[in-house]
N, C-alpha and C. Protein backbone atom coordinates (compact mmCIF):
# COMPACT_ATOMS: atom_id res chain seq x y z
N UNK A 1 24.92 116.48 70.09
CA UNK A 1 25.56 117.55 69.66
C UNK A 1 24.80 118.61 68.98
N UNK A 2 24.75 119.97 69.77
CA UNK A 2 24.02 121.00 69.02
C UNK A 2 24.80 121.86 68.06
N UNK A 3 24.29 122.23 67.15
CA UNK A 3 24.91 122.87 65.89
C UNK A 3 25.12 124.38 66.12
N UNK A 4 24.10 125.18 66.58
CA UNK A 4 24.26 126.54 66.82
C UNK A 4 25.41 127.02 67.85
N UNK A 5 26.61 127.47 67.33
CA UNK A 5 27.57 127.80 68.09
C UNK A 5 27.41 129.20 68.54
N UNK A 6 27.04 129.26 69.75
CA UNK A 6 26.71 130.70 70.34
C UNK A 6 27.23 130.73 71.66
N UNK A 7 27.60 131.86 72.36
CA UNK A 7 28.14 131.85 73.71
C UNK A 7 27.11 131.22 74.82
N UNK A 8 25.87 131.47 74.35
CA UNK A 8 24.69 130.95 75.27
C UNK A 8 24.72 129.54 75.17
N UNK A 9 24.63 129.02 73.77
CA UNK A 9 24.83 127.48 73.71
C UNK A 9 26.04 126.94 74.26
N UNK A 10 27.12 127.44 74.31
CA UNK A 10 28.36 127.07 74.99
C UNK A 10 28.15 126.81 76.52
N UNK A 11 27.46 127.93 76.95
CA UNK A 11 27.23 127.85 78.28
C UNK A 11 26.27 126.95 79.02
N UNK A 12 25.17 126.67 78.03
CA UNK A 12 24.24 125.71 78.49
C UNK A 12 25.01 124.29 78.36
N UNK A 13 25.77 124.06 77.37
CA UNK A 13 26.59 122.79 77.17
C UNK A 13 27.53 122.45 78.39
N UNK A 14 28.28 123.52 78.82
CA UNK A 14 29.07 123.37 79.90
C UNK A 14 28.29 123.01 81.27
N UNK A 15 27.05 123.91 81.59
CA UNK A 15 26.31 123.44 82.48
C UNK A 15 25.66 121.88 82.51
N UNK A 16 25.32 121.59 81.37
CA UNK A 16 24.90 120.15 81.21
C UNK A 16 25.92 119.16 81.64
N UNK A 17 27.16 119.54 80.96
CA UNK A 17 28.39 118.61 81.34
C UNK A 17 28.69 118.34 82.82
N UNK A 18 28.84 119.55 83.46
CA UNK A 18 29.10 119.64 84.83
C UNK A 18 28.07 118.76 85.71
N UNK A 19 26.83 118.91 85.26
CA UNK A 19 25.81 118.16 85.95
C UNK A 19 25.80 116.72 85.86
N UNK A 20 26.54 116.30 84.86
CA UNK A 20 26.64 114.68 84.66
C UNK A 20 27.48 113.96 85.68
N UNK A 21 27.04 113.10 86.38
CA UNK A 21 28.06 112.55 87.37
C UNK A 21 28.98 111.64 86.89
N UNK A 22 28.81 110.97 85.66
CA UNK A 22 30.07 110.15 85.12
C UNK A 22 30.88 110.90 84.18
N UNK A 23 30.80 112.41 84.26
CA UNK A 23 31.59 113.18 83.29
C UNK A 23 33.08 113.20 83.73
N UNK A 24 33.96 112.70 82.74
CA UNK A 24 35.55 112.70 83.09
C UNK A 24 35.99 113.99 82.71
N UNK A 25 36.78 114.73 83.40
CA UNK A 25 37.37 115.83 82.94
C UNK A 25 39.03 115.73 82.77
N UNK A 26 39.41 116.36 81.78
CA UNK A 26 40.75 116.30 81.28
C UNK A 26 41.77 117.20 82.29
N UNK A 27 42.80 116.57 82.91
CA UNK A 27 43.66 117.47 83.81
C UNK A 27 44.33 118.70 82.93
N UNK A 28 44.37 119.79 83.52
CA UNK A 28 44.97 120.87 83.05
C UNK A 28 46.53 120.70 82.93
N UNK A 29 46.93 120.98 81.65
CA UNK A 29 48.26 120.91 81.40
C UNK A 29 49.26 122.09 82.01
N UNK A 30 50.44 121.70 82.39
CA UNK A 30 51.20 122.57 82.83
C UNK A 30 51.91 123.50 81.58
N UNK A 31 52.47 124.62 81.82
CA UNK A 31 53.12 125.35 80.70
C UNK A 31 54.01 124.44 80.04
N UNK A 32 54.71 123.78 80.88
CA UNK A 32 56.07 122.91 80.28
C UNK A 32 55.47 121.88 79.45
N UNK A 33 54.33 121.26 79.72
CA UNK A 33 53.56 120.37 78.95
C UNK A 33 53.20 120.94 77.75
N UNK A 34 52.67 122.18 77.76
CA UNK A 34 52.07 122.79 76.57
C UNK A 34 53.26 123.16 75.61
N UNK A 35 54.23 123.52 76.37
CA UNK A 35 55.37 123.91 75.34
C UNK A 35 56.04 122.77 74.45
N UNK A 36 56.05 121.53 75.24
CA UNK A 36 56.65 120.68 74.58
C UNK A 36 55.55 119.98 73.46
N UNK A 37 54.30 119.99 73.81
CA UNK A 37 53.41 119.71 72.83
C UNK A 37 53.35 120.50 71.70
N UNK A 38 53.74 121.79 71.76
CA UNK A 38 53.84 122.86 70.69
C UNK A 38 54.99 122.29 70.04
N UNK A 39 56.04 121.91 70.55
CA UNK A 39 57.30 121.70 69.87
C UNK A 39 56.85 120.27 68.91
N UNK A 40 56.27 119.53 69.31
CA UNK A 40 55.84 118.22 68.56
C UNK A 40 54.92 118.59 67.56
N UNK A 41 53.97 119.45 67.83
CA UNK A 41 53.03 119.80 66.76
C UNK A 41 53.81 120.62 65.63
N UNK A 42 54.44 121.37 66.01
CA UNK A 42 55.39 122.12 65.09
C UNK A 42 56.26 120.92 64.05
N UNK A 43 56.80 120.31 64.75
CA UNK A 43 57.47 119.21 64.16
C UNK A 43 56.79 118.33 63.22
N UNK A 44 55.49 117.99 63.72
CA UNK A 44 54.51 117.10 62.98
C UNK A 44 54.39 117.89 61.69
N UNK A 45 54.16 119.30 61.82
CA UNK A 45 53.75 120.16 60.68
C UNK A 45 54.98 120.03 59.58
N UNK A 46 56.07 120.36 60.15
CA UNK A 46 57.28 120.49 59.17
C UNK A 46 57.38 118.99 58.41
N UNK A 47 57.32 117.84 59.13
CA UNK A 47 57.32 116.66 58.46
C UNK A 47 56.47 116.55 57.18
N UNK A 48 55.21 116.91 57.73
CA UNK A 48 53.95 116.69 56.58
C UNK A 48 54.42 117.63 55.33
N UNK A 49 54.99 118.93 55.77
CA UNK A 49 55.10 119.96 54.69
C UNK A 49 56.25 119.39 53.88
N UNK A 50 57.32 118.89 54.53
CA UNK A 50 58.63 118.34 53.69
C UNK A 50 58.20 117.09 52.86
N UNK A 51 57.32 116.26 53.31
CA UNK A 51 56.75 115.23 52.62
C UNK A 51 56.14 115.59 51.49
N UNK A 52 55.07 116.62 51.64
CA UNK A 52 54.15 117.02 50.40
C UNK A 52 55.19 117.86 49.52
N UNK A 53 56.17 118.36 49.84
CA UNK A 53 57.03 119.17 48.87
C UNK A 53 57.86 118.05 48.24
N UNK A 54 58.36 116.93 48.84
CA UNK A 54 59.20 116.18 48.15
C UNK A 54 58.25 115.33 47.15
N UNK A 55 57.10 114.91 47.59
CA UNK A 55 55.96 114.06 46.49
C UNK A 55 55.96 115.07 45.46
N UNK A 56 55.70 116.37 45.58
CA UNK A 56 55.30 117.31 44.44
C UNK A 56 56.73 117.36 43.36
N UNK A 57 57.83 117.39 44.24
CA UNK A 57 58.90 117.53 43.34
C UNK A 57 59.30 116.22 42.58
N UNK A 58 59.01 115.09 43.25
CA UNK A 58 59.22 113.90 42.40
C UNK A 58 58.14 113.77 41.43
N UNK A 59 56.95 114.27 41.63
CA UNK A 59 55.88 114.06 40.52
C UNK A 59 56.39 114.82 39.43
N UNK A 60 56.62 116.25 39.74
CA UNK A 60 57.22 117.12 38.58
C UNK A 60 58.43 116.70 37.77
N UNK A 61 59.63 116.34 38.49
CA UNK A 61 60.56 115.77 37.85
C UNK A 61 60.24 114.46 36.94
N UNK A 62 59.28 113.58 37.49
CA UNK A 62 58.76 112.48 36.73
C UNK A 62 58.28 112.90 35.42
N UNK A 63 57.68 113.85 35.44
CA UNK A 63 57.16 114.48 34.07
C UNK A 63 58.27 114.87 32.91
N UNK A 64 59.49 115.12 33.54
CA UNK A 64 60.49 115.29 32.50
C UNK A 64 61.36 113.99 32.54
N UNK A 65 60.89 112.74 32.99
CA UNK A 65 61.84 111.59 32.97
C UNK A 65 62.79 111.52 33.89
N UNK A 66 62.78 112.26 34.83
CA UNK A 66 63.94 112.11 35.90
C UNK A 66 63.30 111.63 37.18
N UNK A 67 63.66 110.20 37.38
CA UNK A 67 63.09 109.60 38.40
C UNK A 67 64.12 108.76 39.46
N UNK A 68 63.87 108.61 40.62
CA UNK A 68 64.82 107.96 41.56
C UNK A 68 63.90 107.20 42.50
N UNK A 69 64.42 106.39 43.50
CA UNK A 69 63.61 105.82 44.50
C UNK A 69 63.15 106.69 45.46
N UNK A 70 62.31 106.06 46.18
CA UNK A 70 61.41 107.01 47.18
C UNK A 70 62.29 107.16 48.59
N UNK A 71 61.84 108.36 49.20
CA UNK A 71 62.56 108.66 50.43
C UNK A 71 63.58 109.89 50.20
N UNK A 72 63.95 110.50 51.32
CA UNK A 72 64.58 111.81 51.62
C UNK A 72 65.98 111.49 50.89
N UNK A 73 66.50 110.34 51.24
CA UNK A 73 67.89 110.10 50.87
C UNK A 73 68.00 109.98 49.20
N UNK A 74 66.99 109.86 48.72
CA UNK A 74 67.19 109.84 47.04
C UNK A 74 67.06 111.21 46.51
N UNK A 75 66.88 112.40 47.41
CA UNK A 75 66.82 113.79 46.79
C UNK A 75 68.18 114.13 46.15
N UNK A 76 69.19 113.64 46.73
CA UNK A 76 70.66 113.87 46.00
C UNK A 76 70.56 113.54 44.70
N UNK A 77 70.24 112.29 44.49
CA UNK A 77 70.12 111.62 43.21
C UNK A 77 69.48 112.45 42.14
N UNK A 78 68.13 112.92 42.57
CA UNK A 78 67.21 113.48 41.73
C UNK A 78 67.97 115.10 41.55
N UNK A 79 68.66 115.63 42.52
CA UNK A 79 69.13 117.02 42.31
C UNK A 79 70.28 116.72 41.28
N UNK A 80 71.08 115.79 41.27
CA UNK A 80 72.21 115.50 40.53
C UNK A 80 71.49 115.30 38.96
N UNK A 81 70.53 114.51 39.01
CA UNK A 81 69.97 114.24 37.59
C UNK A 81 69.47 115.40 36.86
N UNK A 82 68.83 116.34 37.81
CA UNK A 82 68.35 117.67 37.40
C UNK A 82 69.63 118.60 36.91
N UNK A 83 70.72 118.47 37.52
CA UNK A 83 71.88 119.39 37.30
C UNK A 83 72.57 119.08 35.97
N UNK A 84 72.46 117.63 35.79
CA UNK A 84 73.24 116.98 34.51
C UNK A 84 72.27 116.79 33.21
N UNK A 85 70.95 117.14 33.49
CA UNK A 85 69.98 116.96 32.51
C UNK A 85 70.26 118.04 31.37
N UNK A 86 69.95 117.67 30.38
CA UNK A 86 69.95 118.55 29.01
C UNK A 86 68.91 119.60 29.03
N UNK A 87 69.28 120.80 28.57
CA UNK A 87 68.40 121.92 28.71
C UNK A 87 67.13 121.66 27.81
N UNK A 88 67.21 120.71 26.93
CA UNK A 88 66.13 120.28 26.00
C UNK A 88 65.13 119.47 26.78
N UNK A 89 65.76 118.69 27.64
CA UNK A 89 64.83 117.92 28.57
C UNK A 89 64.06 118.63 29.62
N UNK A 90 64.77 119.63 30.38
CA UNK A 90 64.25 120.38 31.32
C UNK A 90 64.44 121.77 31.02
N UNK A 91 63.54 122.59 30.54
CA UNK A 91 63.70 123.98 30.18
C UNK A 91 64.16 124.79 31.42
N UNK A 92 64.89 125.82 31.06
CA UNK A 92 65.42 126.81 32.24
C UNK A 92 64.30 127.02 33.28
N UNK A 93 63.39 127.71 32.80
CA UNK A 93 62.03 128.03 33.72
C UNK A 93 61.78 126.96 34.60
N UNK A 94 61.54 125.78 34.14
CA UNK A 94 61.09 124.76 35.04
C UNK A 94 62.35 124.26 35.92
N UNK A 95 63.49 124.23 35.29
CA UNK A 95 64.79 123.91 36.25
C UNK A 95 64.81 124.88 37.35
N UNK A 96 64.47 126.10 37.30
CA UNK A 96 64.58 127.06 38.30
C UNK A 96 63.51 127.01 39.43
N UNK A 97 62.39 126.52 38.75
CA UNK A 97 61.29 126.22 39.77
C UNK A 97 61.61 125.09 40.41
N UNK A 98 62.00 123.89 39.89
CA UNK A 98 62.53 122.71 40.67
C UNK A 98 63.53 123.00 41.74
N UNK A 99 64.46 123.89 41.31
CA UNK A 99 65.68 124.06 42.16
C UNK A 99 64.99 124.72 43.55
N UNK A 100 63.95 125.69 43.27
CA UNK A 100 63.25 126.32 44.38
C UNK A 100 62.81 125.42 45.46
N UNK A 101 62.11 124.15 44.79
CA UNK A 101 61.54 123.22 45.73
C UNK A 101 62.70 122.51 46.59
N UNK A 102 63.77 122.25 45.77
CA UNK A 102 64.99 121.67 46.52
C UNK A 102 65.28 122.34 47.62
N UNK A 103 65.68 123.77 47.35
CA UNK A 103 65.89 124.74 48.44
C UNK A 103 64.85 124.73 49.60
N UNK A 104 63.52 124.72 49.27
CA UNK A 104 62.56 124.65 50.24
C UNK A 104 62.49 123.52 51.15
N UNK A 105 62.90 122.30 50.46
CA UNK A 105 63.19 121.05 51.28
C UNK A 105 64.35 121.07 52.28
N UNK A 106 65.43 121.84 51.66
CA UNK A 106 66.47 121.77 52.54
C UNK A 106 66.21 122.77 53.66
N UNK A 107 65.45 123.92 53.66
CA UNK A 107 64.93 124.71 54.65
C UNK A 107 64.16 124.05 55.74
N UNK A 108 63.14 123.43 55.08
CA UNK A 108 62.26 122.28 56.15
C UNK A 108 63.04 121.56 56.84
N UNK A 109 64.08 120.76 56.16
CA UNK A 109 64.92 119.83 56.99
C UNK A 109 65.83 120.45 57.99
N UNK A 110 66.12 121.62 57.75
CA UNK A 110 67.14 122.35 58.86
C UNK A 110 66.07 122.61 59.93
N UNK A 111 64.93 123.29 59.65
CA UNK A 111 63.95 123.55 60.72
C UNK A 111 63.49 122.33 61.38
N UNK A 112 63.19 121.34 60.86
CA UNK A 112 63.02 119.95 61.52
C UNK A 112 64.07 119.44 62.58
N UNK A 113 65.24 119.84 62.01
CA UNK A 113 66.43 119.33 62.78
C UNK A 113 66.56 120.47 64.11
N UNK A 114 66.18 121.50 63.91
CA UNK A 114 66.30 122.43 65.07
C UNK A 114 65.16 122.09 66.12
N UNK A 115 63.99 121.67 65.60
CA UNK A 115 62.89 121.25 66.38
C UNK A 115 63.22 120.15 67.21
N UNK A 116 63.79 119.13 66.62
CA UNK A 116 64.12 117.73 67.02
C UNK A 116 65.34 118.01 68.42
N UNK A 117 66.37 119.04 67.88
CA UNK A 117 67.11 119.29 69.04
C UNK A 117 66.58 120.04 70.23
N UNK A 118 65.50 120.68 70.07
CA UNK A 118 64.99 121.36 71.02
C UNK A 118 64.17 120.21 72.10
N UNK A 119 63.53 119.36 71.19
CA UNK A 119 62.94 118.28 72.13
C UNK A 119 63.76 117.33 72.77
N UNK A 120 64.96 117.04 72.07
CA UNK A 120 66.02 116.21 72.65
C UNK A 120 66.73 116.80 73.98
N UNK A 121 66.55 118.11 73.79
CA UNK A 121 67.19 118.91 75.12
C UNK A 121 66.14 118.85 76.03
N UNK A 122 64.98 119.01 75.70
CA UNK A 122 63.94 118.96 76.90
C UNK A 122 63.92 117.57 77.37
N UNK A 123 63.92 116.39 76.69
CA UNK A 123 64.11 115.13 77.00
C UNK A 123 65.34 114.81 78.07
N UNK A 124 66.58 115.37 77.86
CA UNK A 124 67.53 115.31 78.87
C UNK A 124 67.46 115.98 80.11
N UNK A 125 66.40 116.91 80.07
CA UNK A 125 66.31 117.44 81.26
C UNK A 125 65.12 117.06 82.19
N UNK A 126 64.24 116.02 81.51
CA UNK A 126 63.29 115.46 82.23
C UNK A 126 63.33 113.98 82.58
N UNK A 127 63.62 113.82 83.79
CA UNK A 127 63.52 112.35 84.22
C UNK A 127 62.67 111.30 83.81
N UNK A 128 61.31 111.74 83.89
CA UNK A 128 60.20 110.98 83.58
C UNK A 128 60.41 110.61 82.15
N UNK A 129 60.89 111.56 81.20
CA UNK A 129 60.91 111.37 79.78
C UNK A 129 62.12 110.27 79.73
N UNK A 130 63.13 110.59 80.38
CA UNK A 130 64.47 109.55 80.30
C UNK A 130 63.93 108.13 80.75
N UNK A 131 63.14 107.98 81.58
CA UNK A 131 62.62 106.79 82.30
C UNK A 131 62.07 106.08 81.06
N UNK A 132 61.10 106.67 80.40
CA UNK A 132 60.14 106.15 79.47
C UNK A 132 61.27 105.81 78.17
N UNK A 133 62.08 106.56 77.98
CA UNK A 133 62.95 106.12 76.89
C UNK A 133 63.70 104.91 77.14
N UNK A 134 63.75 104.21 78.28
CA UNK A 134 64.51 102.94 78.40
C UNK A 134 63.71 101.68 77.96
N UNK A 135 62.50 102.09 77.54
CA UNK A 135 61.69 101.01 77.13
C UNK A 135 62.10 100.70 75.79
N UNK A 136 62.00 99.39 75.24
CA UNK A 136 62.20 99.04 73.97
C UNK A 136 61.39 99.85 72.99
N UNK A 137 62.05 100.40 71.97
CA UNK A 137 61.27 101.08 70.82
C UNK A 137 60.98 102.46 71.22
N UNK A 138 61.20 102.94 72.30
CA UNK A 138 60.65 104.19 72.71
C UNK A 138 62.08 105.31 72.69
N UNK A 139 62.17 106.24 71.77
CA UNK A 139 63.16 107.06 71.92
C UNK A 139 62.90 108.47 72.37
N UNK A 140 63.59 109.50 72.28
CA UNK A 140 63.22 110.83 73.09
C UNK A 140 62.10 111.41 72.41
N UNK A 141 61.71 111.35 71.22
CA UNK A 141 60.60 112.06 70.54
C UNK A 141 59.28 111.32 71.07
N UNK A 142 59.37 109.95 71.20
CA UNK A 142 58.04 109.43 71.62
C UNK A 142 57.75 109.70 73.33
N UNK A 143 59.11 109.57 73.90
CA UNK A 143 59.15 109.77 75.41
C UNK A 143 58.47 111.05 75.72
N UNK A 144 59.03 112.02 75.18
CA UNK A 144 58.61 113.38 75.37
C UNK A 144 57.22 113.73 74.97
N UNK A 145 56.87 113.21 74.09
CA UNK A 145 55.40 113.24 73.46
C UNK A 145 54.54 112.68 74.65
N UNK A 146 54.82 111.62 75.13
CA UNK A 146 54.09 110.79 76.09
C UNK A 146 53.75 111.67 77.54
N UNK A 147 55.12 112.18 77.79
CA UNK A 147 55.06 112.82 79.17
C UNK A 147 54.34 114.21 79.10
N UNK A 148 54.47 114.88 77.75
CA UNK A 148 53.76 115.99 77.55
C UNK A 148 52.38 115.82 77.55
N UNK A 149 52.05 114.77 77.06
CA UNK A 149 50.45 114.44 76.79
C UNK A 149 49.76 113.97 78.24
N UNK A 150 50.56 113.24 78.85
CA UNK A 150 50.02 112.50 79.99
C UNK A 150 50.61 113.12 81.24
N UNK A 151 51.71 113.68 81.17
CA UNK A 151 52.40 114.21 82.41
C UNK A 151 52.91 113.01 83.46
N UNK A 152 52.82 113.15 84.57
CA UNK A 152 53.35 112.03 85.32
C UNK A 152 52.30 111.12 85.78
N UNK A 153 51.02 111.32 85.22
CA UNK A 153 50.05 110.35 85.34
C UNK A 153 49.40 110.51 86.66
N UNK A 154 49.78 111.10 87.65
CA UNK A 154 49.24 111.16 88.80
C UNK A 154 47.91 111.63 88.91
N UNK A 155 47.50 112.47 87.93
CA UNK A 155 46.26 113.23 88.04
C UNK A 155 45.36 112.48 87.06
N UNK A 156 45.84 111.75 86.28
CA UNK A 156 44.96 111.10 85.24
C UNK A 156 44.20 109.85 85.82
N UNK A 157 42.94 109.71 85.62
CA UNK A 157 42.01 108.49 86.05
C UNK A 157 41.96 107.47 85.11
N UNK A 158 42.44 107.68 83.74
CA UNK A 158 42.33 106.78 82.60
C UNK A 158 43.73 106.18 82.34
N UNK A 159 44.90 106.75 82.82
CA UNK A 159 45.92 106.11 82.47
C UNK A 159 46.88 106.55 83.71
N UNK A 160 46.86 105.74 84.88
CA UNK A 160 47.87 105.81 85.99
C UNK A 160 49.41 105.69 85.58
N UNK A 161 50.08 106.33 86.27
CA UNK A 161 51.66 106.23 85.86
C UNK A 161 52.16 104.78 86.09
N UNK A 162 51.47 103.98 86.96
CA UNK A 162 51.97 102.78 87.10
C UNK A 162 51.75 101.80 85.96
N UNK A 163 50.90 102.29 85.08
CA UNK A 163 50.45 101.35 83.89
C UNK A 163 51.47 101.58 82.65
N UNK A 164 52.21 102.80 82.75
CA UNK A 164 53.03 103.20 81.74
C UNK A 164 54.28 102.28 81.58
N UNK A 165 54.23 101.27 82.30
CA UNK A 165 55.54 100.62 82.54
C UNK A 165 55.59 99.59 81.34
N UNK A 166 54.69 98.89 80.71
CA UNK A 166 55.03 98.09 79.77
C UNK A 166 55.11 98.75 78.25
N UNK A 167 55.67 98.01 77.37
CA UNK A 167 56.14 98.52 76.03
C UNK A 167 54.62 98.56 75.38
N UNK A 168 53.89 97.44 75.57
CA UNK A 168 52.53 97.61 75.05
C UNK A 168 51.79 98.84 75.35
N UNK A 169 51.68 99.29 76.57
CA UNK A 169 51.09 100.27 77.02
C UNK A 169 51.64 101.67 76.45
N UNK A 170 53.10 101.71 76.42
CA UNK A 170 53.74 102.84 75.52
C UNK A 170 53.26 103.02 74.25
N UNK A 171 53.10 101.81 73.57
CA UNK A 171 52.66 101.91 72.35
C UNK A 171 51.37 102.52 71.97
N UNK A 172 50.49 101.92 72.86
CA UNK A 172 49.07 102.51 72.81
C UNK A 172 48.89 103.88 73.25
N UNK A 173 49.88 104.44 74.00
CA UNK A 173 49.62 105.77 74.39
C UNK A 173 50.36 106.63 73.25
N UNK A 174 51.41 106.16 72.66
CA UNK A 174 52.03 106.83 71.47
C UNK A 174 51.04 107.06 70.31
N UNK A 175 50.17 105.95 70.10
CA UNK A 175 48.98 106.13 69.13
C UNK A 175 47.78 107.09 69.39
N UNK A 176 47.63 107.17 70.61
CA UNK A 176 46.55 108.04 71.01
C UNK A 176 46.80 109.66 71.09
N UNK A 177 48.25 109.84 71.19
CA UNK A 177 48.73 111.14 71.22
C UNK A 177 48.54 111.90 69.89
N UNK A 178 48.71 111.32 68.64
CA UNK A 178 48.45 111.95 67.44
C UNK A 178 47.12 111.55 66.89
């Protein structure tokens, strides 16, 4: 691996790669595959942002002695505890900042729901994705991610479509996507 990133160095690396007989090339993804992969990447980003915000909120509320179990479902309990807490426990400035985080989490949750609806809509229109979803433990999110990353498998030399039949192969493919 060379360090100097220049156009000339990139061109040299491309020429070197093309000349190697055992070089495996990645098939070009269709616009449809790229679109679904974009939906999945945005969904993943929203999940990470929501998790980070929830963790920050839980930490801040914990400093005031307001705690609840882990998970998104516990947010309602935390919100109620904040609303019913005395002003001497949580000052108004802090209370408003914490409410801002609750609203932000709600917004992220709404956007996440919209993204998942788009993914499920695409899943319903794609027979390959629907076929994959019949495997145990594979739902629309995983099936669409596999189809978007692999396609129908006909152009792939490392994972032919025939091999995507078993649940174990699907699990391995799911792990490689992310």
